[in-house]
PDB file of N, CA and C in Angstrom:
ATOM      1  N   MET A   1       0.849  -1.190   0.000  1.00  0.00           N
ATOM      2  CA  MET A   1       0.000   0.000   0.000  1.00  0.00           C
ATOM      3  C   MET A   1       0.887   1.243   0.000  1.00  0.00           C
ATOM      4  N   SER A   2       0.489   2.207  -0.733  1.00  0.00           N
ATOM      5  CA  SER A   2       1.384   3.348  -0.914  1.00  0.00           C
ATOM      6  C   SER A   2       1.535   4.202   0.338  1.00  0.00           C
ATOM      7  N   TYR A   3       0.564   4.249   1.227  1.00  0.00           N
ATOM      8  CA  TYR A   3       0.715   5.060   2.434  1.00  0.00           C
ATOM      9  C   TYR A   3       1.822   4.498   3.323  1.00  0.00           C
ATOM     10  N   GLN A   4       2.089   3.196   3.228  1.00  0.00           N
ATOM     11  CA  GLN A   4       3.142   2.577   4.034  1.00  0.00           C
ATOM     12  C   GLN A   4       4.526   3.076   3.621  1.00  0.00           C
ATOM     13  N   LYS A   5       4.672   3.486   2.373  1.00  0.00           N
ATOM     14  CA  LYS A   5       5.957   4.030   1.914  1.00  0.00           C
ATOM     15  C   LYS A   5       6.300   5.322   2.650  1.00  0.00           C
ATOM     16  N   TYR A   6       5.300   5.959   3.202  1.00  0.00           N
ATOM     17  CA  TYR A   6       5.501   7.210   3.933  1.00  0.00           C
ATOM     18  C   TYR A   6       5.667   6.964   5.435  1.00  0.00           C
ATOM     19  N   GLY A   7       5.682   5.699   5.829  1.00  0.00           N
ATOM     20  CA  GLY A   7       5.877   5.354   7.234  1.00  0.00           C
ATOM     21  C   GLY A   7       4.595   5.300   8.045  1.00  0.00           C
ATOM     22  N   ILE A   8       3.458   5.427   7.378  1.00  0.00           N
ATOM     23  CA  ILE A   8       2.169   5.376   8.075  1.00  0.00           C
ATOM     24  C   ILE A   8       1.847   3.912   8.352  1.00  0.00           C
ATOM     25  N   ARG A   9       1.604   3.605   9.608  1.00  0.00           N
ATOM     26  CA  ARG A   9       1.393   2.213  10.011  1.00  0.00           C
ATOM     27  C   ARG A   9      -0.026   1.742   9.682  1.00  0.00           C
ATOM     28  N   PRO A  10      -0.145   0.503   9.181  1.00  0.00           N
ATOM     29  CA  PRO A  10      -1.468  -0.066   8.869  1.00  0.00           C
ATOM     30  C   PRO A  10      -2.394  -0.114  10.082  1.00  0.00           C
ATOM     31  N   GLN A  11      -1.831  -0.271  11.285  1.00  0.00           N
ATOM     32  CA  GLN A  11      -2.655  -0.324  12.500  1.00  0.00           C
ATOM     33  C   GLN A  11      -3.379   1.001  12.708  1.00  0.00           C
ATOM     34  N   LEU A  12      -2.701   2.102  12.449  1.00  0.00           N
ATOM     35  CA  LEU A  12      -3.318   3.427  12.568  1.00  0.00           C
ATOM     36  C   LEU A  12      -4.446   3.565  11.548  1.00  0.00           C
ATOM     37  N   VAL A  13      -4.175   3.156  10.334  1.00  0.00           N
ATOM     38  CA  VAL A  13      -5.191   3.249   9.274  1.00  0.00           C
ATOM     39  C   VAL A  13      -6.415   2.413   9.638  1.00  0.00           C
ATOM     40  N   GLU A  14      -6.205   1.214  10.152  1.00  0.00           N
ATOM     41  CA  GLU A  14      -7.329   0.344  10.519  1.00  0.00           C
ATOM     42  C   GLU A  14      -8.142   0.945  11.671  1.00  0.00           C
ATOM     43  N   ARG A  15      -7.469   1.539  12.655  1.00  0.00           N
ATOM     44  CA  ARG A  15      -8.184   2.193  13.759  1.00  0.00           C
ATOM     45  C   ARG A  15      -9.036   3.345  13.248  1.00  0.00           C
ATOM     46  N   VAL A  16      -8.465   4.141  12.356  1.00  0.00           N
ATOM     47  CA  VAL A  16      -9.198   5.286  11.799  1.00  0.00           C
ATOM     48  C   VAL A  16     -10.396   4.794  10.988  1.00  0.00           C
ATOM     49  N   LYS A  17     -10.206   3.760  10.176  1.00  0.00           N
ATOM     50  CA  LYS A  17     -11.315   3.224   9.380  1.00  0.00           C
ATOM     51  C   LYS A  17     -12.447   2.741  10.285  1.00  0.00           C
ATOM     52  N   LEU A  18     -12.093   2.088  11.378  1.00  0.00           N
ATOM     53  CA  LEU A  18     -13.102   1.601  12.316  1.00  0.00           C
ATOM     54  C   LEU A  18     -13.852   2.760  12.966  1.00  0.00           C
ATOM     55  N   LYS A  19     -13.116   3.791  13.381  1.00  0.00           N
ATOM     56  CA  LYS A  19     -13.747   4.952  14.011  1.00  0.00           C
ATOM     57  C   LYS A  19     -14.632   5.712  13.027  1.00  0.00           C
ATOM     58  N   MET A  20     -14.278   5.709  11.750  1.00  0.00           N
ATOM     59  CA  MET A  20     -15.055   6.428  10.739  1.00  0.00           C
ATOM     60  C   MET A  20     -16.415   5.772  10.486  1.00  0.00           C
ATOM     61  N   LYS A  21     -16.607   4.561  10.974  1.00  0.00           N
ATOM     62  CA  LYS A  21     -17.909   3.902  10.837  1.00  0.00           C
ATOM     63  C   LYS A  21     -18.934   4.480  11.802  1.00  0.00           C
ATOM     64  N   ASN A  22     -18.466   5.218  12.797  1.00  0.00           N
ATOM     65  CA  ASN A  22     -19.359   5.878  13.746  1.00  0.00           C
ATOM     66  C   ASN A  22     -19.975   7.096  13.040  1.00  0.00           C
ATOM     67  N   PRO A  23     -21.316   7.140  12.901  1.00  0.00           N
ATOM     68  CA  PRO A  23     -21.961   8.240  12.169  1.00  0.00           C
ATOM     69  C   PRO A  23     -21.660   9.634  12.712  1.00  0.00           C
ATOM     70  N   VAL A  24     -21.489   9.767  14.022  1.00  0.00           N
ATOM     71  CA  VAL A  24     -21.201  11.073  14.619  1.00  0.00           C
ATOM     72  C   VAL A  24     -19.806  11.547  14.184  1.00  0.00           C
ATOM     73  N   ILE A  25     -18.843  10.656  14.268  1.00  0.00           N
ATOM     74  CA  ILE A  25     -17.479  11.004  13.864  1.00  0.00           C
ATOM     75  C   ILE A  25     -17.441  11.282  12.363  1.00  0.00           C
ATOM     76  N   LYS A  26     -18.126  10.460  11.594  1.00  0.00           N
ATOM     77  CA  LYS A  26     -18.159  10.643  10.141  1.00  0.00           C
ATOM     78  C   LYS A  26     -18.722  12.022   9.780  1.00  0.00           C
ATOM     79  N   ASP A  27     -19.788  12.432  10.459  1.00  0.00           N
ATOM     80  CA  ASP A  27     -20.383  13.746  10.195  1.00  0.00           C
ATOM     81  C   ASP A  27     -19.439  14.880  10.593  1.00  0.00           C
ATOM     82  N   ARG A  28     -18.741  14.728  11.701  1.00  0.00           N
ATOM     83  CA  ARG A  28     -17.791  15.766  12.125  1.00  0.00           C
ATOM     84  C   ARG A  28     -16.635  15.881  11.125  1.00  0.00           C
ATOM     85  N   MET A  29     -16.191  14.747  10.607  1.00  0.00           N
ATOM     86  CA  MET A  29     -15.123  14.762   9.595  1.00  0.00           C
ATOM     87  C   MET A  29     -15.634  15.385   8.295  1.00  0.00           C
ATOM     88  N   ARG A  30     -16.859  15.083   7.947  1.00  0.00           N
ATOM     89  CA  ARG A  30     -17.453  15.653   6.730  1.00  0.00           C
ATOM     90  C   ARG A  30     -17.534  17.186   6.850  1.00  0.00           C
ATOM     91  N   LEU A  31     -17.904  17.670   8.020  1.00  0.00           N
ATOM     92  CA  LEU A  31     -17.944  19.121   8.257  1.00  0.00           C
ATOM     93  C   LEU A  31     -16.544  19.734   8.158  1.00  0.00           C
ATOM     94  N   LEU A  32     -15.557  19.040   8.714  1.00  0.00           N
ATOM     95  CA  LEU A  32     -14.180  19.529   8.685  1.00  0.00           C
ATOM     96  C   LEU A  32     -13.658  19.626   7.253  1.00  0.00           C
ATOM     97  N   LEU A  33     -13.971  18.619   6.443  1.00  0.00           N
ATOM     98  CA  LEU A  33     -13.370  18.523   5.111  1.00  0.00           C
ATOM     99  C   LEU A  33     -14.285  18.969   3.978  1.00  0.00           C
ATOM    100  N   GLY A  34     -15.507  19.348   4.306  1.00  0.00           N
ATOM    101  CA  GLY A  34     -16.502  19.667   3.284  1.00  0.00           C
ATOM    102  C   GLY A  34     -16.134  20.759   2.307  1.00  0.00           C
ATOM    103  N   ASN A  35     -15.437  21.781   2.756  1.00  0.00           N
ATOM    104  CA  ASN A  35     -15.112  22.908   1.885  1.00  0.00           C
ATOM    105  C   ASN A  35     -13.632  22.981   1.528  1.00  0.00           C
ATOM    106  N   VAL A  36     -12.927  21.881   1.691  1.00  0.00           N
ATOM    107  CA  VAL A  36     -11.493  21.852   1.405  1.00  0.00           C
ATOM    108  C   VAL A  36     -11.283  21.826  -0.108  1.00  0.00           C
ATOM    109  N   THR A  37     -10.324  22.621  -0.583  1.00  0.00           N
ATOM    110  CA  THR A  37     -10.016  22.669  -2.021  1.00  0.00           C
ATOM    111  C   THR A  37      -8.681  21.987  -2.287  1.00  0.00           C
ATOM    112  N   LYS A  38      -8.388  21.778  -3.570  1.00  0.00           N
ATOM    113  CA  LYS A  38      -7.105  21.168  -3.921  1.00  0.00           C
ATOM    114  C   LYS A  38      -5.953  22.081  -3.520  1.00  0.00           C
ATOM    115  N   TYR A  39      -6.197  23.381  -3.505  1.00  0.00           N
ATOM    116  CA  TYR A  39      -5.156  24.330  -3.100  1.00  0.00           C
ATOM    117  C   TYR A  39      -4.895  24.227  -1.596  1.00  0.00           C
ATOM    118  N   ASP A  40      -5.958  24.005  -0.817  1.00  0.00           N
ATOM    119  CA  ASP A  40      -5.800  23.789   0.620  1.00  0.00           C
ATOM    120  C   ASP A  40      -4.940  22.548   0.878  1.00  0.00           C
ATOM    121  N   LEU A  41      -5.153  21.517   0.066  1.00  0.00           N
ATOM    122  CA  LEU A  41      -4.458  20.248   0.258  1.00  0.00           C
ATOM    123  C   LEU A  41      -3.032  20.265  -0.285  1.00  0.00           C
ATOM    124  N   GLN A  42      -2.598  21.394  -0.825  1.00  0.00           N
ATOM    125  CA  GLN A  42      -1.208  21.557  -1.242  1.00  0.00           C
ATOM    126  C   GLN A  42      -0.480  22.592  -0.378  1.00  0.00           C
ATOM    127  N   ASP A  43      -1.170  23.107   0.621  1.00  0.00           N
ATOM    128  CA  ASP A  43      -0.610  24.097   1.542  1.00  0.00           C
ATOM    129  C   ASP A  43      -0.255  23.382   2.841  1.00  0.00           C
ATOM    130  N   ARG A  44       1.051  23.242   3.095  1.00  0.00           N
ATOM    131  CA  ARG A  44       1.517  22.464   4.252  1.00  0.00           C
ATOM    132  C   ARG A  44       0.894  22.931   5.567  1.00  0.00           C
ATOM    133  N   SER A  45       0.782  24.231   5.773  1.00  0.00           N
ATOM    134  CA  SER A  45       0.235  24.715   7.048  1.00  0.00           C
ATOM    135  C   SER A  45      -1.251  24.382   7.179  1.00  0.00           C
ATOM    136  N   LYS A  46      -2.008  24.459   6.080  1.00  0.00           N
ATOM    137  CA  LYS A  46      -3.430  24.112   6.141  1.00  0.00           C
ATOM    138  C   LYS A  46      -3.615  22.612   6.348  1.00  0.00           C
ATOM    139  N   VAL A  47      -2.779  21.813   5.679  1.00  0.00           N
ATOM    140  CA  VAL A  47      -2.864  20.360   5.850  1.00  0.00           C
ATOM    141  C   VAL A  47      -2.523  19.988   7.296  1.00  0.00           C
ATOM    142  N   LYS A  48      -1.521  20.648   7.858  1.00  0.00           N
ATOM    143  CA  LYS A  48      -1.144  20.368   9.250  1.00  0.00           C
ATOM    144  C   LYS A  48      -2.312  20.665  10.187  1.00  0.00           C
ATOM    145  N   LYS A  49      -2.984  21.780   9.954  1.00  0.00           N
ATOM    146  CA  LYS A  49      -4.142  22.148  10.780  1.00  0.00           C
ATOM    147  C   LYS A  49      -5.267  21.115  10.616  1.00  0.00           C
ATOM    148  N   LEU A  50      -5.503  20.667   9.382  1.00  0.00           N
ATOM    149  CA  LEU A  50      -6.536  19.651   9.124  1.00  0.00           C
ATOM    150  C   LEU A  50      -6.194  18.329   9.805  1.00  0.00           C
ATOM    151  N   VAL A  51      -4.929  17.929   9.736  1.00  0.00           N
ATOM    152  CA  VAL A  51      -4.505  16.672  10.361  1.00  0.00           C
ATOM    153  C   VAL A  51      -4.699  16.749  11.871  1.00  0.00           C
ATOM    154  N   LYS A  52      -4.318  17.878  12.475  1.00  0.00           N
ATOM    155  CA  LYS A  52      -4.502  18.043  13.924  1.00  0.00           C
ATOM    156  C   LYS A  52      -5.989  18.005  14.301  1.00  0.00           C
ATOM    157  N   SER A  53      -6.820  18.677  13.508  1.00  0.00           N
ATOM    158  CA  SER A  53      -8.266  18.681  13.780  1.00  0.00           C
ATOM    159  C   SER A  53      -8.860  17.289  13.615  1.00  0.00           C
ATOM    160  N   ALA A  54      -8.449  16.592  12.556  1.00  0.00           N
ATOM    161  CA  ALA A  54      -8.959  15.242  12.315  1.00  0.00           C
ATOM    162  C   ALA A  54      -8.533  14.302  13.443  1.00  0.00           C
ATOM    163  N   ALA A  55      -7.283  14.403  13.879  1.00  0.00           N
ATOM    164  CA  ALA A  55      -6.798  13.562  14.976  1.00  0.00           C
ATOM    165  C   ALA A  55      -7.603  13.820  16.246  1.00  0.00           C
ATOM    166  N   SER A  56      -7.948  15.071  16.474  1.00  0.00           N
ATOM    167  CA  SER A  56      -8.750  15.423  17.648  1.00  0.00           C
ATOM    168  C   SER A  56     -10.143  14.806  17.544  1.00  0.00           C
ATOM    169  N   ILE A  57     -10.771  14.926  16.388  1.00  0.00           N
ATOM    170  CA  ILE A  57     -12.106  14.341  16.177  1.00  0.00           C
ATOM    171  C   ILE A  57     -12.058  12.830  16.396  1.00  0.00           C
ATOM    172  N   LEU A  58     -10.983  12.200  15.923  1.00  0.00           N
ATOM    173  CA  LEU A  58     -10.849  10.743  16.007  1.00  0.00           C
ATOM    174  C   LEU A  58     -10.267  10.266  17.342  1.00  0.00           C
ATOM    175  N   SER A  59      -9.932  11.213  18.231  1.00  0.00           N
ATOM    176  CA  SER A  59      -9.293  10.890  19.515  1.00  0.00           C
ATOM    177  C   SER A  59      -8.024  10.069  19.313  1.00  0.00           C
ATOM    178  N   GLU A  60      -7.231  10.474  18.340  1.00  0.00           N
ATOM    179  CA  GLU A  60      -5.952   9.817  18.058  1.00  0.00           C
ATOM    180  C   GLU A  60      -4.826  10.735  18.509  1.00  0.00           C
ATOM    181  N   GLN A  61      -3.939  10.209  19.310  1.00  0.00           N
ATOM    182  CA  GLN A  61      -2.750  10.954  19.739  1.00  0.00           C
ATOM    183  C   GLN A  61      -1.641  10.657  18.733  1.00  0.00           C
ATOM    184  N   LEU A  62      -1.303  11.637  17.898  1.00  0.00           N
ATOM    185  CA  LEU A  62      -0.250  11.443  16.915  1.00  0.00           C
ATOM    186  C   LEU A  62       1.061  12.037  17.424  1.00  0.00           C
ATOM    187  N   THR A  63       2.150  11.318  17.174  1.00  0.00           N
ATOM    188  CA  THR A  63       3.462  11.876  17.485  1.00  0.00           C
ATOM    189  C   THR A  63       3.789  12.898  16.394  1.00  0.00           C
ATOM    190  N   ASP A  64       4.795  13.728  16.641  1.00  0.00           N
ATOM    191  CA  ASP A  64       5.209  14.692  15.629  1.00  0.00           C
ATOM    192  C   ASP A  64       5.633  13.975  14.348  1.00  0.00           C
ATOM    193  N   THR A  65       6.290  12.830  14.506  1.00  0.00           N
ATOM    194  CA  THR A  65       6.731  12.048  13.345  1.00  0.00           C
ATOM    195  C   THR A  65       5.536  11.538  12.555  1.00  0.00           C
ATOM    196  N   GLN A  66       4.548  10.968  13.244  1.00  0.00           N
ATOM    197  CA  GLN A  66       3.352  10.469  12.559  1.00  0.00           C
ATOM    198  C   GLN A  66       2.626  11.600  11.838  1.00  0.00           C
ATOM    199  N   GLU A  67       2.519  12.709  12.501  1.00  0.00           N
ATOM    200  CA  GLU A  67       1.851  13.867  11.920  1.00  0.00           C
ATOM    201  C   GLU A  67       2.571  14.306  10.640  1.00  0.00           C
ATOM    202  N   ASP A  68       3.894  14.370  10.704  1.00  0.00           N
ATOM    203  CA  ASP A  68       4.682  14.774   9.540  1.00  0.00           C
ATOM    204  C   ASP A  68       4.560  13.760   8.398  1.00  0.00           C
ATOM    205  N   GLN A  69       4.516  12.469   8.738  1.00  0.00           N
ATOM    206  CA  GLN A  69       4.363  11.428   7.716  1.00  0.00           C
ATOM    207  C   GLN A  69       3.017  11.575   7.004  1.00  0.00           C
ATOM    208  N   ILE A  70       1.972  11.840   7.753  1.00  0.00           N
ATOM    209  CA  ILE A  70       0.635  11.992   7.169  1.00  0.00           C
ATOM    210  C   ILE A  70       0.583  13.241   6.293  1.00  0.00           C
ATOM    211  N   ILE A  71       1.162  14.329   6.770  1.00  0.00           N
ATOM    212  CA  ILE A  71       1.178  15.576   5.993  1.00  0.00           C
ATOM    213  C   ILE A  71       1.933  15.363   4.689  1.00  0.00           C
ATOM    214  N   THR A  72       3.098  14.734   4.766  1.00  0.00           N
ATOM    215  CA  THR A  72       3.898  14.465   3.563  1.00  0.00           C
ATOM    216  C   THR A  72       3.122  13.594   2.585  1.00  0.00           C
ATOM    217  N   PHE A  73       2.428  12.571   3.102  1.00  0.00           N
ATOM    218  CA  PHE A  73       1.619  11.693   2.258  1.00  0.00           C
ATOM    219  C   PHE A  73       0.525  12.484   1.539  1.00  0.00           C
ATOM    220  N   ILE A  74      -0.201  13.315   2.271  1.00  0.00           N
ATOM    221  CA  ILE A  74      -1.301  14.091   1.687  1.00  0.00           C
ATOM    222  C   ILE A  74      -0.775  15.029   0.608  1.00  0.00           C
ATOM    223  N   LEU A  75       0.309  15.725   0.899  1.00  0.00           N
ATOM    224  CA  LEU A  75       0.882  16.651  -0.084  1.00  0.00           C
ATOM    225  C   LEU A  75       1.329  15.913  -1.340  1.00  0.00           C
ATOM    226  N   ALA A  76       1.910  14.732  -1.173  1.00  0.00           N
ATOM    227  CA  ALA A  76       2.425  13.961  -2.311  1.00  0.00           C
ATOM    228  C   ALA A  76       1.312  13.447  -3.219  1.00  0.00           C
ATOM    229  N   GLN A  77       0.111  13.249  -2.682  1.00  0.00           N
ATOM    230  CA  GLN A  77      -0.985  12.698  -3.473  1.00  0.00           C
ATOM    231  C   GLN A  77      -1.580  13.710  -4.444  1.00  0.00           C
ATOM    232  N   LYS A  78      -1.338  15.004  -4.202  1.00  0.00           N
ATOM    233  CA  LYS A  78      -1.887  16.079  -5.044  1.00  0.00           C
ATOM    234  C   LYS A  78      -3.397  15.876  -5.262  1.00  0.00           C
ATOM    235  N   ILE A  79      -4.104  15.750  -4.161  1.00  0.00           N
ATOM    236  CA  ILE A  79      -5.538  15.428  -4.171  1.00  0.00           C
ATOM    237  C   ILE A  79      -6.362  16.632  -4.612  1.00  0.00           C
ATOM    238  N   ASP A  80      -7.270  16.368  -5.537  1.00  0.00           N
ATOM    239  CA  ASP A  80      -8.290  17.353  -5.923  1.00  0.00           C
ATOM    240  C   ASP A  80      -9.623  16.771  -5.480  1.00  0.00           C
ATOM    241  N   PRO A  81     -10.233  17.307  -4.417  1.00  0.00           N
ATOM    242  CA  PRO A  81     -11.475  16.726  -3.897  1.00  0.00           C
ATOM    243  C   PRO A  81     -12.653  16.816  -4.875  1.00  0.00           C
ATOM    244  N   ASN A  82     -12.509  17.602  -5.941  1.00  0.00           N
ATOM    245  CA  ASN A  82     -13.577  17.690  -6.941  1.00  0.00           C
ATOM    246  C   ASN A  82     -13.344  16.770  -8.131  1.00  0.00           C
ATOM    247  N   ASN A  83     -12.255  16.008  -8.085  1.00  0.00           N
ATOM    248  CA  ASN A  83     -11.930  15.087  -9.164  1.00  0.00           C
ATOM    249  C   ASN A  83     -12.288  13.672  -8.720  1.00  0.00           C
ATOM    250  N   THR A  84     -13.284  13.099  -9.356  1.00  0.00           N
ATOM    251  CA  THR A  84     -13.766  11.768  -8.971  1.00  0.00           C
ATOM    252  C   THR A  84     -12.665  10.723  -9.064  1.00  0.00           C
ATOM    253  N   PHE A  85     -11.810  10.827 -10.094  1.00  0.00           N
ATOM    254  CA  PHE A  85     -10.712   9.874 -10.240  1.00  0.00           C
ATOM    255  C   PHE A  85      -9.782   9.902  -9.018  1.00  0.00           C
ATOM    256  N   HIS A  86      -9.469  11.087  -8.518  1.00  0.00           N
ATOM    257  CA  HIS A  86      -8.602  11.205  -7.343  1.00  0.00           C
ATOM    258  C   HIS A  86      -9.264  10.543  -6.135  1.00  0.00           C
ATOM    259  N   LEU A  87     -10.560  10.773  -5.981  1.00  0.00           N
ATOM    260  CA  LEU A  87     -11.269  10.207  -4.834  1.00  0.00           C
ATOM    261  C   LEU A  87     -11.348   8.682  -4.930  1.00  0.00           C
ATOM    262  N   LEU A  88     -11.561   8.168  -6.137  1.00  0.00           N
ATOM    263  CA  LEU A  88     -11.592   6.713  -6.329  1.00  0.00           C
ATOM    264  C   LEU A  88     -10.223   6.091  -6.044  1.00  0.00           C
ATOM    265  N   LYS A  89      -9.169   6.779  -6.462  1.00  0.00           N
ATOM    266  CA  LYS A  89      -7.804   6.305  -6.210  1.00  0.00           C
ATOM    267  C   LYS A  89      -7.557   6.209  -4.704  1.00  0.00           C
ATOM    268  N   LEU A  90      -7.962   7.241  -3.968  1.00  0.00           N
ATOM    269  CA  LEU A  90      -7.804   7.213  -2.515  1.00  0.00           C
ATOM    270  C   LEU A  90      -8.655   6.112  -1.877  1.00  0.00           C
ATOM    271  N   TRP A  91      -9.873   6.002  -2.365  1.00  0.00           N
ATOM    272  CA  TRP A  91     -10.783   4.971  -1.837  1.00  0.00           C
ATOM    273  C   TRP A  91     -10.156   3.586  -1.978  1.00  0.00           C
ATOM    274  N   SER A  92      -9.614   3.307  -3.163  1.00  0.00           N
ATOM    275  CA  SER A  92      -9.033   1.979  -3.401  1.00  0.00           C
ATOM    276  C   SER A  92      -7.767   1.760  -2.553  1.00  0.00           C
ATOM    277  N   MET A  93      -7.060   2.833  -2.247  1.00  0.00           N
ATOM    278  CA  MET A  93      -5.836   2.732  -1.453  1.00  0.00           C
ATOM    279  C   MET A  93      -6.146   2.284  -0.020  1.00  0.00           C
ATOM    280  N   PHE A  94      -7.307   2.667   0.491  1.00  0.00           N
ATOM    281  CA  PHE A  94      -7.644   2.415   1.900  1.00  0.00           C
ATOM    282  C   PHE A  94      -8.749   1.377   2.087  1.00  0.00           C
ATOM    283  N   ARG A  95      -9.115   0.653   1.053  1.00  0.00           N
ATOM    284  CA  ARG A  95     -10.166  -0.349   1.180  1.00  0.00           C
ATOM    285  C   ARG A  95      -9.784  -1.482   2.064  1.00  0.00           C
TER     286      ARG A  95
END
């Protein structure tokens, strides 16, 4: 899986996937990410703020290293949230 190349542990991903099944958490994440643009997702400071907010919503304590790995991964993906192909690619990565 490509996220592992960035040092992101599968255990963290599995915990997050499990927590995202909770409708309350899912709605809070949807509110957090609802208006995010591709430009936001290429701005390191905005991505860092989003990662910190998401970790708080998910009650995940991230180390500085984990946080940096996730930020680097997000920036490298060049995600456009309005591009269906990008979203499908991400979906398949975390299935």
